[in-house]
C-alpha atoms as a PDB file:
ATOM      1  CA  MET A   1      84.389-125.923  20.375  1.00  0.00           C
ATOM      2  CA  MET A   2      84.964-122.879  22.603  1.00  0.00           C
ATOM      3  CA  ALA A   3      85.765-125.219  25.470  1.00  0.00           C
ATOM      4  CA  ALA A   4      88.439-126.870  23.412  1.00  0.00           C
ATOM      5  CA  ILE A   5      89.986-123.514  22.518  1.00  0.00           C
ATOM      6  CA  LYS A   6      90.039-122.470  26.219  1.00  0.00           C
ATOM      7  CA  LYS A   7      91.856-125.735  27.087  1.00  0.00           C
ATOM      8  CA  TYR A   8      94.254-125.046  24.229  1.00  0.00           C
ATOM      9  CA  ASP A   9      94.910-121.564  25.536  1.00  0.00           C
ATOM     10  CA  ARG A  10      95.651-123.079  28.999  1.00  0.00           C
ATOM     11  CA  PHE A  11      97.841-125.691  27.490  1.00  0.00           C
ATOM     12  CA  ILE A  12      99.965-123.208  25.537  1.00  0.00           C
ATOM     13  CA  ALA A  13     100.049-120.731  28.507  1.00  0.00           C
ATOM     14  CA  ALA A  14     101.213-123.609  30.814  1.00  0.00           C
ATOM     15  CA  ALA A  15     103.767-124.856  28.315  1.00  0.00           C
ATOM     16  CA  PHE A  16     105.510-121.516  28.332  1.00  0.00           C
ATOM     17  CA  THR A  17     104.983-120.390  32.014  1.00  0.00           C
ATOM     18  CA  VAL A  18     105.191-123.598  34.106  1.00  0.00           C
ATOM     19  CA  PRO A  19     108.807-124.800  33.887  1.00  0.00           C
ATOM     20  CA  SER A  20     107.986-128.317  35.065  1.00  0.00           C
ATOM     21  CA  PHE A  21     105.329-128.618  32.406  1.00  0.00           C
ATOM     22  CA  TRP A  22     107.694-127.235  29.798  1.00  0.00           C
ATOM     23  CA  ASP A  23     110.378-129.889  30.783  1.00  0.00           C
ATOM     24  CA  TRP A  24     107.831-132.640  30.716  1.00  0.00           C
ATOM     25  CA  LEU A  25     106.725-131.700  27.164  1.00  0.00           C
ATOM     26  CA  TRP A  26     110.264-131.098  25.950  1.00  0.00           C
ATOM     27  CA  GLN A  27     111.443-134.530  27.147  1.00  0.00           C
ATOM     28  CA  ARG A  28     108.653-136.141  25.137  1.00  0.00           C
ATOM     29  CA  HIS A  29     109.508-133.959  22.109  1.00  0.00           C
ATOM     30  CA  HIS A  30     112.670-136.005  21.899  1.00  0.00           C
ATOM     31  CA  ASN A  31     110.763-138.973  20.809  1.00  0.00           C
ATOM     32  CA  GLN A  32     111.239-138.937  17.060  1.00  0.00           C
ATOM     33  CA  LEU A  33     108.010-140.856  16.462  1.00  0.00           C
ATOM     34  CA  SER A  34     106.194-137.565  17.134  1.00  0.00           C
ATOM     35  CA  TRP A  35     108.349-135.884  14.437  1.00  0.00           C
ATOM     36  CA  TYR A  36     106.905-138.353  11.948  1.00  0.00           C
ATOM     37  CA  ILE A  37     103.331-138.237  13.086  1.00  0.00           C
ATOM     38  CA  ARG A  38     103.026-134.472  13.238  1.00  0.00           C
ATOM     39  CA  PRO A  39     103.404-133.855   9.521  1.00  0.00           C
ATOM     40  CA  LEU A  40     100.603-136.354   8.949  1.00  0.00           C
ATOM     41  CA  PHE A  41      98.173-134.038  10.664  1.00  0.00           C
ATOM     42  CA  LEU A  42      98.344-132.086   7.390  1.00  0.00           C
ATOM     43  CA  ILE A  43      96.037-134.750   5.947  1.00  0.00           C
ATOM     44  CA  PRO A  44      93.052-134.115   8.066  1.00  0.00           C
ATOM     45  CA  PHE A  45      93.883-130.415   8.035  1.00  0.00           C
ATOM     46  CA  CYS A  46      93.663-130.427   4.227  1.00  0.00           C
ATOM     47  CA  TRP A  47      90.539-132.536   4.274  1.00  0.00           C
ATOM     48  CA  PHE A  48      88.803-130.203   6.725  1.00  0.00           C
ATOM     49  CA  ALA A  49      89.921-127.115   4.724  1.00  0.00           C
ATOM     50  CA  TYR A  50      88.652-128.691   1.474  1.00  0.00           C
ATOM     51  CA  ARG A  51      85.339-129.471   3.299  1.00  0.00           C
ATOM     52  CA  ARG A  52      85.280-125.983   4.543  1.00  0.00           C
ATOM     53  CA  SER A  53      85.033-126.998   8.283  1.00  0.00           C
ATOM     54  CA  TRP A  54      86.371-124.433  10.653  1.00  0.00           C
ATOM     55  CA  ALA A  55      85.684-126.788  13.564  1.00  0.00           C
ATOM     56  CA  GLY A  56      87.776-129.617  11.869  1.00  0.00           C
ATOM     57  CA  ILE A  57      90.566-127.194  11.124  1.00  0.00           C
ATOM     58  CA  MET A  58      90.747-125.909  14.654  1.00  0.00           C
ATOM     59  CA  LEU A  59      90.587-129.418  16.017  1.00  0.00           C
ATOM     60  CA  VAL A  60      93.519-130.581  13.931  1.00  0.00           C
ATOM     61  CA  ILE A  61      95.574-127.509  14.931  1.00  0.00           C
ATOM     62  CA  LEU A  62      94.822-128.400  18.674  1.00  0.00           C
ATOM     63  CA  LEU A  63      95.930-131.847  18.096  1.00  0.00           C
ATOM     64  CA  THR A  64      99.025-130.853  16.276  1.00  0.00           C
ATOM     65  CA  LEU A  65     100.065-128.476  19.012  1.00  0.00           C
ATOM     66  CA  THR A  66      99.483-131.031  21.859  1.00  0.00           C
ATOM     67  CA  SER A  67     101.029-133.938  19.992  1.00  0.00           C
ATOM     68  CA  MET A  68     104.514-133.393  21.313  1.00  0.00           C
ATOM     69  CA  GLY A  69     103.254-134.531  24.629  1.00  0.00           C
ATOM     70  CA  TRP A  70     101.667-137.812  23.444  1.00  0.00           C
ATOM     71  CA  PHE A  71     104.633-140.014  23.266  1.00  0.00           C
ATOM     72  CA  ALA A  72     106.828-141.206  26.168  1.00  0.00           C
ATOM     73  CA  ALA A  73     110.255-139.629  26.565  1.00  0.00           C
ATOM     74  CA  PRO A  74     112.842-141.877  24.898  1.00  0.00           C
ATOM     75  CA  SER A  75     115.439-143.623  27.015  1.00  0.00           C
ATOM     76  CA  GLU A  76     118.083-142.610  24.631  1.00  0.00           C
ATOM     77  CA  THR A  77     118.240-139.654  22.155  1.00  0.00           C
ATOM     78  CA  ASN A  78     120.337-139.475  19.044  1.00  0.00           C
ATOM     79  CA  SER A  79     123.046-136.810  19.515  1.00  0.00           C
ATOM     80  CA  GLN A  80     121.987-134.895  16.322  1.00  0.00           C
ATOM     81  CA  VAL A  81     118.358-134.820  17.617  1.00  0.00           C
ATOM     82  CA  GLN A  82     119.548-133.708  20.986  1.00  0.00           C
ATOM     83  CA  GLN A  83     121.567-130.844  19.462  1.00  0.00           C
ATOM     84  CA  PHE A  84     118.821-129.820  17.139  1.00  0.00           C
ATOM     85  CA  LEU A  85     116.259-129.699  20.016  1.00  0.00           C
ATOM     86  CA  GLN A  86     118.646-127.770  22.197  1.00  0.00           C
ATOM     87  CA  VAL A  87     118.817-125.105  19.499  1.00  0.00           C
ATOM     88  CA  GLU A  88     115.057-125.134  19.101  1.00  0.00           C
ATOM     89  CA  GLN A  89     114.559-124.752  22.720  1.00  0.00           C
ATOM     90  CA  GLN A  90     117.029-121.833  23.015  1.00  0.00           C
ATOM     91  CA  TYR A  91     115.268-120.190  20.046  1.00  0.00           C
ATOM     92  CA  LEU A  92     111.880-120.492  21.737  1.00  0.00           C
ATOM     93  CA  GLN A  93     113.098-119.258  25.152  1.00  0.00           C
ATOM     94  CA  GLY A  94     115.455-116.644  23.836  1.00  0.00           C
ATOM     95  CA  GLU A  95     114.799-112.896  23.244  1.00  0.00           C
ATOM     96  CA  TRP A  96     111.851-112.253  20.779  1.00  0.00           C
ATOM     97  CA  THR A  97     113.166-109.796  18.145  1.00  0.00           C
ATOM     98  CA  LEU A  98     111.200-108.520  15.219  1.00  0.00           C
ATOM     99  CA  ARG A  99     113.061-111.003  12.993  1.00  0.00           C
ATOM    100  CA  LYS A 100     112.080-113.913  15.244  1.00  0.00           C
ATOM    101  CA  ILE A 101     108.429-112.710  15.445  1.00  0.00           C
ATOM    102  CA  PHE A 102     108.294-112.506  11.641  1.00  0.00           C
ATOM    103  CA  LEU A 103     109.812-115.962  11.181  1.00  0.00           C
ATOM    104  CA  THR A 104     107.413-117.494  13.708  1.00  0.00           C
ATOM    105  CA  LEU A 105     104.385-115.759  12.133  1.00  0.00           C
ATOM    106  CA  LEU A 106     105.290-117.624   8.839  1.00  0.00           C
ATOM    107  CA  ILE A 107     103.997-120.771  10.489  1.00  0.00           C
ATOM    108  CA  PRO A 108     100.330-119.708  10.931  1.00  0.00           C
ATOM    109  CA  LEU A 109     100.494-117.724   7.647  1.00  0.00           C
ATOM    110  CA  SER A 110     101.618-120.836   5.760  1.00  0.00           C
ATOM    111  CA  PHE A 111      98.855-122.899   7.464  1.00  0.00           C
ATOM    112  CA  SER A 112      96.309-120.116   6.444  1.00  0.00           C
ATOM    113  CA  ALA A 113      97.669-120.203   2.893  1.00  0.00           C
ATOM    114  CA  LEU A 114      97.271-123.985   2.816  1.00  0.00           C
ATOM    115  CA  ALA A 115      93.717-123.785   4.202  1.00  0.00           C
ATOM    116  CA  ALA A 116      92.804-121.052   1.734  1.00  0.00           C
ATOM    117  CA  ALA A 117      94.048-122.985  -1.331  1.00  0.00           C
ATOM    118  CA  LEU A 118      92.024-125.921  -0.409  1.00  0.00           C
ATOM    119  CA  TRP A 119      89.051-123.948   0.715  1.00  0.00           C
ATOM    120  CA  TRP A 120      89.028-122.608  -2.869  1.00  0.00           C
ATOM    121  CA  ARG A 121      89.426-126.240  -4.068  1.00  0.00           C
ATOM    122  CA  ASN A 122      92.834-125.567  -5.653  1.00  0.00           C
ATOM    123  CA  ILE A 123      94.606-128.802  -4.693  1.00  0.00           C
ATOM    124  CA  TRP A 124      97.787-128.035  -6.722  1.00  0.00           C
ATOM    125  CA  LEU A 125      98.245-124.719  -5.048  1.00  0.00           C
ATOM    126  CA  GLY A 126      97.846-126.671  -1.792  1.00  0.00           C
ATOM    127  CA  VAL A 127     100.640-129.057  -2.775  1.00  0.00           C
ATOM    128  CA  ILE A 128     102.821-126.042  -3.722  1.00  0.00           C
ATOM    129  CA  VAL A 129     102.162-124.437  -0.303  1.00  0.00           C
ATOM    130  CA  MET A 130     102.971-127.652   1.400  1.00  0.00           C
ATOM    131  CA  ALA A 131     106.242-127.940  -0.516  1.00  0.00           C
ATOM    132  CA  PHE A 132     107.138-124.393   0.673  1.00  0.00           C
ATOM    133  CA  MET A 133     106.094-125.335   4.298  1.00  0.00           C
ATOM    134  CA  ALA A 134     108.467-128.468   4.191  1.00  0.00           C
ATOM    135  CA  ALA A 135     111.222-126.439   2.529  1.00  0.00           C
ATOM    136  CA  GLY A 136     110.859-123.673   5.066  1.00  0.00           C
ATOM    137  CA  LYS A 137     111.055-126.066   8.004  1.00  0.00           C
ATOM    138  CA  LEU A 138     114.242-127.693   6.533  1.00  0.00           C
ATOM    139  CA  LEU A 139     115.736-124.256   5.700  1.00  0.00           C
ATOM    140  CA  TRP A 140     115.017-122.932   9.272  1.00  0.00           C
ATOM    141  CA  SER A 141     116.418-126.213  10.838  1.00  0.00           C
ATOM    142  CA  ILE A 142     119.634-126.213   8.949  1.00  0.00           C
ATOM    143  CA  THR A 143     120.234-122.312   9.157  1.00  0.00           C
ATOM    144  CA  PHE A 144     119.710-122.219  12.899  1.00  0.00           C
ATOM    145  CA  SER A 145     121.214-125.506  13.997  1.00  0.00           C
ATOM    146  CA  GLY A 146     123.641-126.395  11.197  1.00  0.00           C
ATOM    147  CA  GLU A 147     124.290-130.001  10.712  1.00  0.00           C
ATOM    148  CA  ALA A 148     121.965-130.959  13.550  1.00  0.00           C
ATOM    149  CA  GLY A 149     119.102-129.613  11.434  1.00  0.00           C
ATOM    150  CA  LEU A 150     119.631-132.606   9.073  1.00  0.00           C
ATOM    151  CA  ALA A 151     117.677-134.673  11.642  1.00  0.00           C
ATOM    152  CA  VAL A 152     114.507-133.018  10.321  1.00  0.00           C
ATOM    153  CA  ILE A 153     114.970-134.079   6.689  1.00  0.00           C
ATOM    154  CA  ALA A 154     113.428-137.498   6.895  1.00  0.00           C
ATOM    155  CA  PRO A 155     110.319-136.504   8.896  1.00  0.00           C
ATOM    156  CA  ALA A 156     109.715-133.378   6.681  1.00  0.00           C
ATOM    157  CA  THR A 157     110.284-135.195   3.411  1.00  0.00           C
ATOM    158  CA  ILE A 158     108.185-138.194   4.317  1.00  0.00           C
ATOM    159  CA  GLY A 159     105.382-136.072   5.617  1.00  0.00           C
ATOM    160  CA  PHE A 160     105.353-133.969   2.424  1.00  0.00           C
ATOM    161  CA  VAL A 161     105.394-136.948   0.174  1.00  0.00           C
ATOM    162  CA  LEU A 162     102.546-138.687   2.029  1.00  0.00           C
ATOM    163  CA  CYS A 163     100.453-135.542   2.347  1.00  0.00           C
ATOM    164  CA  GLY A 164     101.082-134.415  -1.246  1.00  0.00           C
ATOM    165  CA  GLY A 165     100.339-137.955  -2.396  1.00  0.00           C
ATOM    166  CA  CYS A 166      97.000-137.818  -0.511  1.00  0.00           C
ATOM    167  CA  LEU A 167      96.133-134.510  -2.208  1.00  0.00           C
ATOM    168  CA  TRP A 168      97.122-135.982  -5.638  1.00  0.00           C
ATOM    169  CA  LEU A 169      94.927-139.006  -4.939  1.00  0.00           C
ATOM    170  CA  ILE A 170      92.044-136.829  -4.045  1.00  0.00           C
ATOM    171  CA  THR A 171      92.465-134.957  -7.279  1.00  0.00           C
ATOM    172  CA  VAL A 172      92.601-138.127  -9.310  1.00  0.00           C
ATOM    173  CA  LEU A 173      89.569-139.652  -7.680  1.00  0.00           C
ATOM    174  CA  SER A 174      87.501-136.583  -7.851  1.00  0.00           C
ATOM    175  CA  ARG A 175      88.028-136.312 -11.590  1.00  0.00           C
ATOM    176  CA  ARG A 176      87.073-139.957 -12.180  1.00  0.00           C
ATOM    177  CA  ARG A 177      83.378-139.826 -11.990  1.00  0.00           C
ATOM    178  CA  ILE A 178      81.276-142.553 -13.383  1.00  0.00           C
ATOM    179  CA  PRO A 179      79.229-141.100 -16.295  1.00  0.00           C
ATOM    180  CA  ARG A 180      75.551-141.040 -15.848  1.00  0.00           C
ATOM    181  CA  VAL A 181      73.338-142.845 -18.266  1.00  0.00           C
ATOM    182  CA  LYS A 182      70.891-140.615 -20.071  1.00  0.00           C
ATOM    183  CA  LYS A 183      67.123-141.569 -20.055  1.00  0.00           C
ATOM    184  CA  ASN A 184      66.870-141.759 -23.901  1.00  0.00           C
ATOM    185  CA  GLU A 185      70.203-143.528 -24.441  1.00  0.00           C
ATOM    186  CA  PHE A 186      68.759-147.056 -24.582  1.00  0.00           C
ATOM    187  CA  HIS A 187      65.994-146.413 -27.159  1.00  0.00           C
END
């Protein structure tokens, strides 16, 4: 696990310090398939949090952070997507004010809140946290990039519905237990 964390550290460091690697990742981030896949990582994240597996949680975080480089760069990019990603890139590469640091820290804090809710086996609180995460992503996207932020609505909404649905299904299935037959019941 420590080896994976060290590779993750190098990946993040390279992404922000090696311009050619940043450009390579950013071109692949234009592939909207990654936008739809990334929210689905919440399903195994939630599973590992519910199972209280730190290793699983860390693995999912690592996969999520590297996933923007998994898909080929698209040959064409929707203008709204292009405009949104330009704003996102400027945000990441711009000056880091206290406000920006606070807003960025909301991401790991929300993931921590989600993990804590499920660690404590409170699935409905997990769904509520996920709803706030999706709403926060939409709010940030539209606030910072205006109409271009609307490009995030479908991936965020579909991701929330699928992940929330999986949590709901887990709740229903965990409550439907087959009753055990007592020893003296058939006498």
